[in-house]
Amino acid sequence: MNKFLYFIIVICFLDLFIQLPIITPFALSLGADEYAAGIIVAIYSLFNIVGNIFGGFFSDKLGRKNMLLLGMGLQIFILLLYTVVPTVGLLIVIRVIHGFSSGLLTPAAFSLVADISRRSAIGKSMALTGVSIGVAAVLGPALGGIISSQASYQMVYLVMSGIFVFGILLILLTVNESTTVKSREEHYTTNFGEIIIRPSLIVAYISAFTLMVSNGSLAFGLPLKVAEVGLSDQSTGAMLSVFGITAIVIFASPLNRIYTDYSPVSLVSFGVLIVGFSMMALHIVPTALLIYLVMILYGIGFSLIFPSMNKIIGQNTEIYERGKANGIFYSFFSLGSVAGAYLSGIFATYFTTPFLFIGMILIILLSGIQYAHKKSGV
């Protein structure tokens, strides 16, 4: 397995996480009101879905390496535009293109990991991609906050464009194309419709949507829970770090043997059950200590789901269609995050925190995973 590929995945996801602490204040600094700032934040995820679909299709047609190079090249151009954007209207346009170009990368990167992994070791490889995403999630917000406070918001995007230049060099020097001329010619033999309705893959799509509904709910609702128990805003970041660190420990330690030893559907199902229970527990726990314990439990559930659902994609696709499948899969990721935040906003309006009802929705979605798995006959 090419270890440099994990560094490339860190770079791909660093683009998302480095913006988290700065995009809203950056929009406000250009004169946006809160409503416009919300659109500026959300529109990135919306067009990320479109980019996922295109990135998946063209990674099958043109090859994973070419798609990564094209996506990173576009990223450099778009990131540099942030440094000179003068108005809110142009910032929205840049966010649209940025969301699209960012979405091109993920299906190509994860298809490449699955392509070059031994079939029996896909789960472990995907666990290590989880470590890469975890590293990006820890480093990104810290870098964004530090650079913007010491220099400017524009400097964050300038630094990130430089990191993508390094990423292109890394790809050129270390990555070999995993697809073949034959597989690229055969990519048209499976269309999106066939991949969308394949029962074995539907298990992964519902799993991705389910996981990100819970994640979107956490992003929206955890600050409300923190305020409810009388803690400062800083505690939210610490609690999210606890869940991330828990998942990384499982991904990177000998515990990652579970992804080889157990069925991915069993691990996903158990993980969704744990995450659903965690959501419900968050609704009722009254103290900071118990919230931290629940976040550890959530991290365990997350760690069971993430590599396993990626393994399902890898094991149930051929090389000439894997990009398209990953494109659809990561579209459900983005869609779940948006849905989780939106539903949480509705539930929080009436019930202070949204977690009890989000937990119930996760259990309902778990039944959908079980039904799709039964229909697949795998």
Protein backbone atom coordinates (compact mmCIF):
# COMPACT_ATOMS: atom_id res chain seq x y z
CA MET A 1 0.00 0.00 0.00
CA ASN A 2 1.37 3.42 -0.98
CA LYS A 3 1.78 5.25 2.34
CA PHE A 4 2.06 8.61 0.56
CA LEU A 5 -1.56 8.20 -0.52
CA TYR A 6 -2.64 8.76 3.07
CA PHE A 7 -0.80 12.12 3.07
CA ILE A 8 -2.69 13.03 -0.11
CA ILE A 9 -5.99 12.22 1.65
CA VAL A 10 -4.95 14.48 4.56
CA ILE A 11 -4.44 17.31 2.05
CA CYS A 12 -7.81 16.68 0.37
CA PHE A 13 -9.69 16.88 3.66
CA LEU A 14 -7.53 19.65 5.15
CA ASP A 15 -9.21 21.94 2.61
CA LEU A 16 -12.56 21.35 4.30
CA PHE A 17 -11.46 21.53 7.92
CA ILE A 18 -9.13 24.54 7.66
CA GLN A 19 -12.13 26.66 6.60
CA LEU A 20 -14.42 25.71 9.48
CA PRO A 21 -13.40 28.48 11.93
CA ILE A 22 -13.02 31.22 9.32
CA ILE A 23 -15.58 31.06 6.51
CA THR A 24 -18.44 32.64 8.48
CA PRO A 25 -16.38 35.56 9.87
CA PHE A 26 -14.72 35.97 6.45
CA ALA A 27 -18.16 36.34 4.83
CA LEU A 28 -19.25 38.80 7.53
CA SER A 29 -16.08 40.84 7.01
CA LEU A 30 -17.08 41.32 3.36
CA GLY A 31 -20.45 42.71 4.44
CA ALA A 32 -22.63 39.59 4.46
CA ASP A 33 -25.46 39.37 6.98
CA GLU A 34 -26.08 36.18 8.97
CA TYR A 35 -28.53 34.82 6.38
CA ALA A 36 -26.09 35.34 3.49
CA ALA A 37 -23.26 33.86 5.59
CA GLY A 38 -25.38 30.75 6.14
CA ILE A 39 -25.88 30.41 2.38
CA ILE A 40 -22.14 30.86 1.81
CA VAL A 41 -21.38 28.04 4.27
CA ALA A 42 -24.08 25.65 2.98
CA ILE A 43 -23.61 26.13 -0.75
CA TYR A 44 -20.14 24.55 -0.57
CA SER A 45 -21.67 21.26 0.65
CA LEU A 46 -24.44 21.41 -1.95
CA PHE A 47 -22.03 21.67 -4.87
CA ASN A 48 -19.71 19.17 -3.22
CA ILE A 49 -22.43 16.62 -4.03
CA VAL A 50 -22.30 17.60 -7.72
CA GLY A 51 -18.50 17.36 -7.69
CA ASN A 52 -18.66 13.90 -6.12
CA ILE A 53 -20.80 12.61 -9.00
CA PHE A 54 -18.58 14.13 -11.69
CA GLY A 55 -15.37 13.11 -9.89
CA GLY A 56 -16.55 9.52 -9.59
CA PHE A 57 -17.55 9.28 -13.26
CA PHE A 58 -14.37 10.81 -14.63
CA SER A 59 -12.09 8.85 -12.29
CA ASP A 60 -13.44 5.74 -14.02
CA LYS A 61 -13.16 7.33 -17.48
CA LEU A 62 -9.84 9.19 -17.18
CA GLY A 63 -8.13 7.39 -14.28
CA ARG A 64 -7.71 8.11 -10.57
CA LYS A 65 -4.35 9.87 -10.83
CA ASN A 66 -5.50 12.20 -13.63
CA MET A 67 -8.64 13.07 -11.67
CA LEU A 68 -6.62 13.88 -8.54
CA LEU A 69 -4.26 16.10 -10.56
CA LEU A 70 -7.14 17.89 -12.27
CA GLY A 71 -9.02 18.39 -8.99
CA MET A 72 -5.98 19.71 -7.14
CA GLY A 73 -5.12 22.04 -10.02
CA LEU A 74 -8.63 23.52 -9.87
CA GLN A 75 -8.33 23.80 -6.09
CA ILE A 76 -5.17 25.92 -6.37
CA PHE A 77 -6.89 28.31 -8.79
CA ILE A 78 -10.05 28.61 -6.68
CA LEU A 79 -8.18 29.05 -3.39
CA LEU A 80 -6.16 31.91 -4.87
CA LEU A 81 -9.41 33.65 -5.86
CA TYR A 82 -10.34 33.86 -2.16
CA THR A 83 -7.34 36.12 -1.62
CA VAL A 84 -8.71 38.82 -3.94
CA VAL A 85 -12.51 38.43 -3.68
CA PRO A 86 -14.05 41.90 -3.13
CA THR A 87 -17.77 41.23 -2.66
CA VAL A 88 -20.24 38.82 -1.09
CA GLY A 89 -21.76 37.99 -4.49
CA LEU A 90 -18.41 36.88 -5.90
CA LEU A 91 -17.68 34.93 -2.72
CA ILE A 92 -20.85 32.90 -3.31
CA VAL A 93 -19.70 32.14 -6.87
CA ILE A 94 -16.29 31.07 -5.59
CA ARG A 95 -17.92 28.82 -2.97
CA VAL A 96 -19.97 27.12 -5.69
CA ILE A 97 -16.88 26.34 -7.77
CA HIS A 98 -14.84 25.43 -4.68
CA GLY A 99 -17.46 22.95 -3.47
CA PHE A 100 -17.52 21.36 -6.93
CA SER A 101 -13.72 21.12 -7.32
CA SER A 102 -13.31 19.73 -3.80
CA GLY A 103 -15.93 17.09 -4.55
CA LEU A 104 -13.90 15.84 -7.52
CA LEU A 105 -11.12 14.58 -5.24
CA THR A 106 -12.79 12.26 -2.74
CA PRO A 107 -14.16 9.54 -5.08
CA ALA A 108 -10.85 9.36 -6.95
CA ALA A 109 -8.78 9.10 -3.75
CA PHE A 110 -10.93 6.44 -2.10
CA SER A 111 -11.32 4.45 -5.32
CA LEU A 112 -7.53 4.46 -5.63
CA VAL A 113 -7.15 3.12 -2.08
CA ALA A 114 -9.64 0.31 -2.79
CA ASP A 115 -8.05 -0.47 -6.18
CA ILE A 116 -4.57 -1.08 -4.78
CA SER A 117 -5.60 -2.81 -1.54
CA ARG A 118 -5.81 -6.56 -1.30
CA ARG A 119 -9.51 -7.47 -1.25
CA SER A 120 -9.17 -9.01 2.22
CA ALA A 121 -7.39 -5.90 3.54
CA ILE A 122 -9.71 -3.18 2.22
CA GLY A 123 -11.27 -2.67 5.65
CA LYS A 124 -7.90 -2.06 7.30
CA SER A 125 -6.85 0.28 4.48
CA MET A 126 -10.05 2.26 4.93
CA ALA A 127 -9.40 2.45 8.67
CA LEU A 128 -6.08 4.13 7.88
CA THR A 129 -7.87 6.61 5.60
CA GLY A 130 -9.96 7.34 8.69
CA VAL A 131 -6.74 8.23 10.51
CA SER A 132 -5.87 10.60 7.66
CA ILE A 133 -9.25 12.33 7.91
CA GLY A 134 -8.88 12.49 11.69
CA VAL A 135 -5.48 14.15 11.36
CA ALA A 136 -6.98 16.70 8.95
CA ALA A 137 -9.88 17.30 11.36
CA VAL A 138 -7.46 18.02 14.21
CA LEU A 139 -4.92 20.10 12.26
CA GLY A 140 -7.29 22.00 9.96
CA PRO A 141 -9.32 24.14 12.39
CA ALA A 142 -6.21 24.87 14.47
CA LEU A 143 -4.25 26.02 11.40
CA GLY A 144 -7.16 28.09 10.12
CA GLY A 145 -7.59 29.81 13.47
CA ILE A 146 -3.91 30.48 14.03
CA ILE A 147 -3.13 31.76 10.52
CA SER A 148 -6.22 34.00 10.36
CA SER A 149 -5.53 35.51 13.79
CA GLN A 150 -1.83 36.10 13.10
CA ALA A 151 -2.21 37.26 9.48
CA SER A 152 -5.58 37.33 7.67
CA TYR A 153 -8.39 35.19 6.31
CA GLN A 154 -6.87 35.53 2.84
CA MET A 155 -3.56 34.15 4.10
CA VAL A 156 -5.31 30.90 5.11
CA TYR A 157 -6.34 30.32 1.49
CA LEU A 158 -2.91 31.30 0.19
CA VAL A 159 -1.25 28.75 2.50
CA MET A 160 -3.80 26.09 1.50
CA SER A 161 -3.10 26.69 -2.19
CA GLY A 162 0.60 26.12 -1.47
CA ILE A 163 -0.26 22.85 0.28
CA PHE A 164 -2.12 21.73 -2.84
CA VAL A 165 0.94 22.55 -4.98
CA PHE A 166 2.85 20.17 -2.69
CA GLY A 167 0.01 17.64 -3.13
CA ILE A 168 0.35 17.73 -6.92
CA LEU A 169 4.11 17.12 -6.65
CA LEU A 170 3.44 14.23 -4.26
CA ILE A 171 0.97 12.66 -6.70
CA LEU A 172 3.35 13.05 -9.66
CA LEU A 173 6.25 11.50 -7.76
CA THR A 174 4.59 8.74 -5.73
CA VAL A 175 1.23 7.67 -7.20
CA ASN A 176 0.84 5.10 -9.96
CA GLU A 177 -2.40 4.88 -11.90
CA SER A 178 -4.51 1.97 -10.63
CA THR A 179 -6.93 1.75 -13.54
CA THR A 180 -6.00 0.20 -16.89
CA VAL A 181 -6.71 1.11 -20.50
CA LYS A 182 -9.17 -1.80 -20.55
CA SER A 183 -11.00 -0.71 -17.39
CA ARG A 184 -11.26 2.89 -18.62
CA GLU A 185 -12.75 1.65 -21.88
CA GLU A 186 -15.24 -0.52 -19.94
CA HIS A 187 -16.40 2.26 -17.62
CA TYR A 188 -19.54 2.83 -19.72
CA THR A 189 -20.75 -0.77 -19.23
CA THR A 190 -22.23 0.18 -15.85
CA ASN A 191 -24.34 3.33 -15.62
CA PHE A 192 -25.28 5.37 -12.56
CA GLY A 193 -28.79 3.91 -12.45
CA GLU A 194 -27.49 0.35 -12.06
CA ILE A 195 -25.09 1.38 -9.31
CA ILE A 196 -27.67 3.40 -7.40
CA ILE A 197 -30.15 0.48 -7.16
CA ARG A 198 -27.63 -2.32 -6.46
CA PRO A 199 -28.80 -3.63 -3.04
CA SER A 200 -25.30 -4.39 -1.72
CA LEU A 201 -24.28 -0.78 -2.38
CA ILE A 202 -27.52 0.67 -1.00
CA VAL A 203 -26.33 -0.66 2.38
CA ALA A 204 -23.29 1.64 2.10
CA TYR A 205 -25.30 4.63 0.82
CA ILE A 206 -27.78 4.46 3.72
CA SER A 207 -24.89 3.97 6.15
CA ALA A 208 -23.11 7.09 4.85
CA PHE A 209 -26.29 9.14 5.05
CA THR A 210 -27.01 7.83 8.56
CA LEU A 211 -23.52 8.57 9.89
CA MET A 212 -23.53 12.11 8.53
CA VAL A 213 -27.05 12.84 9.81
CA SER A 214 -25.63 12.17 13.27
CA ASN A 215 -22.52 14.25 12.51
CA GLY A 216 -24.57 17.17 11.21
CA SER A 217 -26.72 16.95 14.32
CA LEU A 218 -23.62 17.03 16.53
CA ALA A 219 -22.26 20.10 14.73
CA PHE A 220 -25.57 21.90 15.23
CA GLY A 221 -26.75 20.60 18.59
CA LEU A 222 -23.66 20.05 20.73
CA PRO A 223 -23.11 23.78 21.37
CA LEU A 224 -26.73 23.94 22.58
CA LYS A 225 -26.17 21.01 24.92
CA VAL A 226 -22.95 22.58 26.22
CA ALA A 227 -24.81 25.81 27.00
CA GLU A 228 -27.64 23.86 28.65
CA VAL A 229 -25.27 22.32 31.21
CA GLY A 230 -23.55 25.66 31.84
CA LEU A 231 -20.24 25.10 30.03
CA SER A 232 -18.29 27.54 27.84
CA ASP A 233 -18.20 27.36 24.04
CA GLN A 234 -14.64 26.03 24.19
CA SER A 235 -15.97 22.79 25.68
CA THR A 236 -17.69 21.95 22.39
CA GLY A 237 -14.37 21.67 20.58
CA ALA A 238 -12.90 19.53 23.35
CA MET A 239 -15.88 17.16 23.25
CA LEU A 240 -15.68 16.79 19.48
CA SER A 241 -11.95 16.10 19.83
CA VAL A 242 -12.70 13.28 22.28
CA PHE A 243 -14.88 11.49 19.75
CA GLY A 244 -12.29 12.03 17.00
CA ILE A 245 -9.38 10.80 19.12
CA THR A 246 -11.36 7.71 20.18
CA ALA A 247 -11.99 6.83 16.52
CA ILE A 248 -8.36 7.44 15.53
CA VAL A 249 -7.11 5.15 18.33
CA ILE A 250 -9.30 2.32 17.02
CA PHE A 251 -8.39 3.03 13.38
CA ALA A 252 -4.63 3.03 14.01
CA SER A 253 -4.21 0.44 16.77
CA PRO A 254 -4.23 -3.39 16.57
CA LEU A 255 -7.97 -3.09 17.20
CA ASN A 256 -8.28 -2.40 13.47
CA ARG A 257 -8.16 -6.17 12.96
CA ILE A 258 -11.92 -6.12 13.48
CA TYR A 259 -12.31 -4.76 9.94
CA THR A 260 -10.75 -7.95 8.60
CA ASP A 261 -12.24 -10.40 11.10
CA TYR A 262 -15.90 -9.33 11.02
CA SER A 263 -18.51 -8.70 8.35
CA PRO A 264 -18.67 -5.02 7.34
CA VAL A 265 -22.47 -5.07 7.45
CA SER A 266 -22.37 -6.41 11.01
CA LEU A 267 -19.91 -3.70 12.06
CA VAL A 268 -21.96 -0.97 10.36
CA SER A 269 -25.17 -2.19 12.01
CA PHE A 270 -23.62 -2.37 15.46
CA GLY A 271 -21.99 1.02 14.92
CA VAL A 272 -25.28 2.68 13.92
CA LEU A 273 -26.93 1.16 16.99
CA ILE A 274 -24.19 2.64 19.21
CA VAL A 275 -24.38 6.05 17.50
CA GLY A 276 -28.19 6.07 17.76
CA PHE A 277 -27.98 5.23 21.48
CA SER A 278 -25.34 7.95 21.91
CA MET A 279 -27.64 10.53 20.34
CA MET A 280 -30.48 9.61 22.70
CA ALA A 281 -28.11 9.62 25.69
CA LEU A 282 -26.88 13.12 24.77
CA HIS A 283 -30.44 14.35 25.05
CA ILE A 284 -30.73 13.37 28.72
CA VAL A 285 -27.26 13.39 30.32
CA PRO A 286 -27.00 16.26 32.85
CA THR A 287 -23.25 16.73 33.42
CA ALA A 288 -20.07 17.46 31.48
CA LEU A 289 -18.44 14.19 32.54
CA LEU A 290 -21.33 12.15 31.17
CA ILE A 291 -21.24 14.11 27.89
CA TYR A 292 -17.55 13.25 27.50
CA LEU A 293 -18.32 9.57 28.15
CA VAL A 294 -21.10 9.66 25.56
CA MET A 295 -18.70 11.21 23.05
CA ILE A 296 -16.27 8.32 23.64
CA LEU A 297 -19.16 5.94 22.93
CA TYR A 298 -20.04 7.93 19.80
CA GLY A 299 -16.40 7.67 18.66
CA ILE A 300 -16.55 3.89 19.02
CA GLY A 301 -19.70 3.76 16.90
CA PHE A 302 -18.17 6.08 14.29
CA SER A 303 -15.05 3.91 14.12
CA LEU A 304 -17.13 0.81 13.39
CA ILE A 305 -19.12 2.47 10.61
CA PHE A 306 -16.64 4.53 8.57
CA PRO A 307 -14.13 1.90 7.34
CA SER A 308 -16.80 -0.79 7.07
CA MET A 309 -19.09 1.11 4.72
CA ASN A 310 -16.10 2.04 2.53
CA LYS A 311 -15.16 -1.65 2.51
CA ILE A 312 -18.67 -2.49 1.29
CA ILE A 313 -18.12 -0.20 -1.72
CA GLY A 314 -14.72 -1.72 -2.44
CA GLN A 315 -15.88 -5.33 -2.21
CA ASN A 316 -19.05 -4.92 -4.26
CA THR A 317 -17.71 -3.01 -7.25
CA GLU A 318 -15.35 -3.71 -10.11
CA ILE A 319 -12.50 -1.35 -10.91
CA TYR A 320 -14.27 0.15 -13.95
CA GLU A 321 -17.32 1.23 -11.90
CA ARG A 322 -15.82 1.94 -8.48
CA GLY A 323 -15.37 5.65 -9.09
CA LYS A 324 -19.04 6.12 -9.93
CA ALA A 325 -20.05 4.13 -6.84
CA ASN A 326 -17.80 6.24 -4.62
CA GLY A 327 -19.18 9.39 -6.24
CA ILE A 328 -22.72 8.40 -5.27
CA PHE A 329 -21.53 7.22 -1.85
CA TYR A 330 -19.88 10.54 -0.95
CA SER A 331 -22.88 12.44 -2.28
CA PHE A 332 -24.91 10.69 0.41
CA PHE A 333 -22.21 11.80 2.87
CA SER A 334 -22.73 15.47 2.01
CA LEU A 335 -26.52 15.07 1.84
CA GLY A 336 -26.60 13.46 5.29
CA SER A 337 -24.62 16.29 6.84
CA VAL A 338 -27.02 18.88 5.43
CA ALA A 339 -30.07 16.84 6.47
CA GLY A 340 -28.73 16.33 10.00
CA ALA A 341 -28.17 20.04 10.57
CA TYR A 342 -31.56 20.95 9.02
CA LEU A 343 -33.56 18.37 11.00
CA SER A 344 -31.72 19.31 14.18
CA GLY A 345 -32.72 22.92 13.69
CA ILE A 346 -36.38 21.88 13.46
CA PHE A 347 -36.26 19.60 16.52
CA ALA A 348 -34.27 22.10 18.60
CA THR A 349 -36.94 24.73 17.95
CA TYR A 350 -39.44 22.67 19.95
CA PHE A 351 -37.31 20.49 22.25
CA THR A 352 -34.19 22.56 23.17
CA THR A 353 -31.80 19.88 21.89
CA PRO A 354 -32.42 17.63 18.87
CA PHE A 355 -30.65 14.45 19.87
CA LEU A 356 -33.54 12.25 21.06
CA PHE A 357 -35.37 12.50 17.74
CA ILE A 358 -32.18 12.23 15.68
CA GLY A 359 -31.42 9.01 17.58
CA MET A 360 -34.85 7.66 16.67
CA ILE A 361 -34.27 8.54 13.00
CA LEU A 362 -30.96 6.64 13.10
CA ILE A 363 -32.68 3.52 14.42
CA ILE A 364 -35.24 3.77 11.60
CA LEU A 365 -32.40 4.10 9.08
CA LEU A 366 -30.76 1.03 10.66
CA SER A 367 -33.83 -0.97 9.71
CA GLY A 368 -33.31 0.30 6.14
CA ILE A 369 -29.72 -0.97 6.21
CA GLN A 370 -30.92 -4.40 7.37
CA TYR A 371 -33.61 -4.53 4.69
CA ALA A 372 -31.16 -3.60 1.91
CA HIS A 373 -28.69 -6.19 3.18
CA LYS A 374 -31.38 -8.88 3.15
CA LYS A 375 -32.34 -7.93 -0.42
CA SER A 376 -28.70 -8.11 -1.52
CA GLY A 377 -28.41 -11.76 -0.52
CA VAL A 378 -24.73 -11.24 0.30
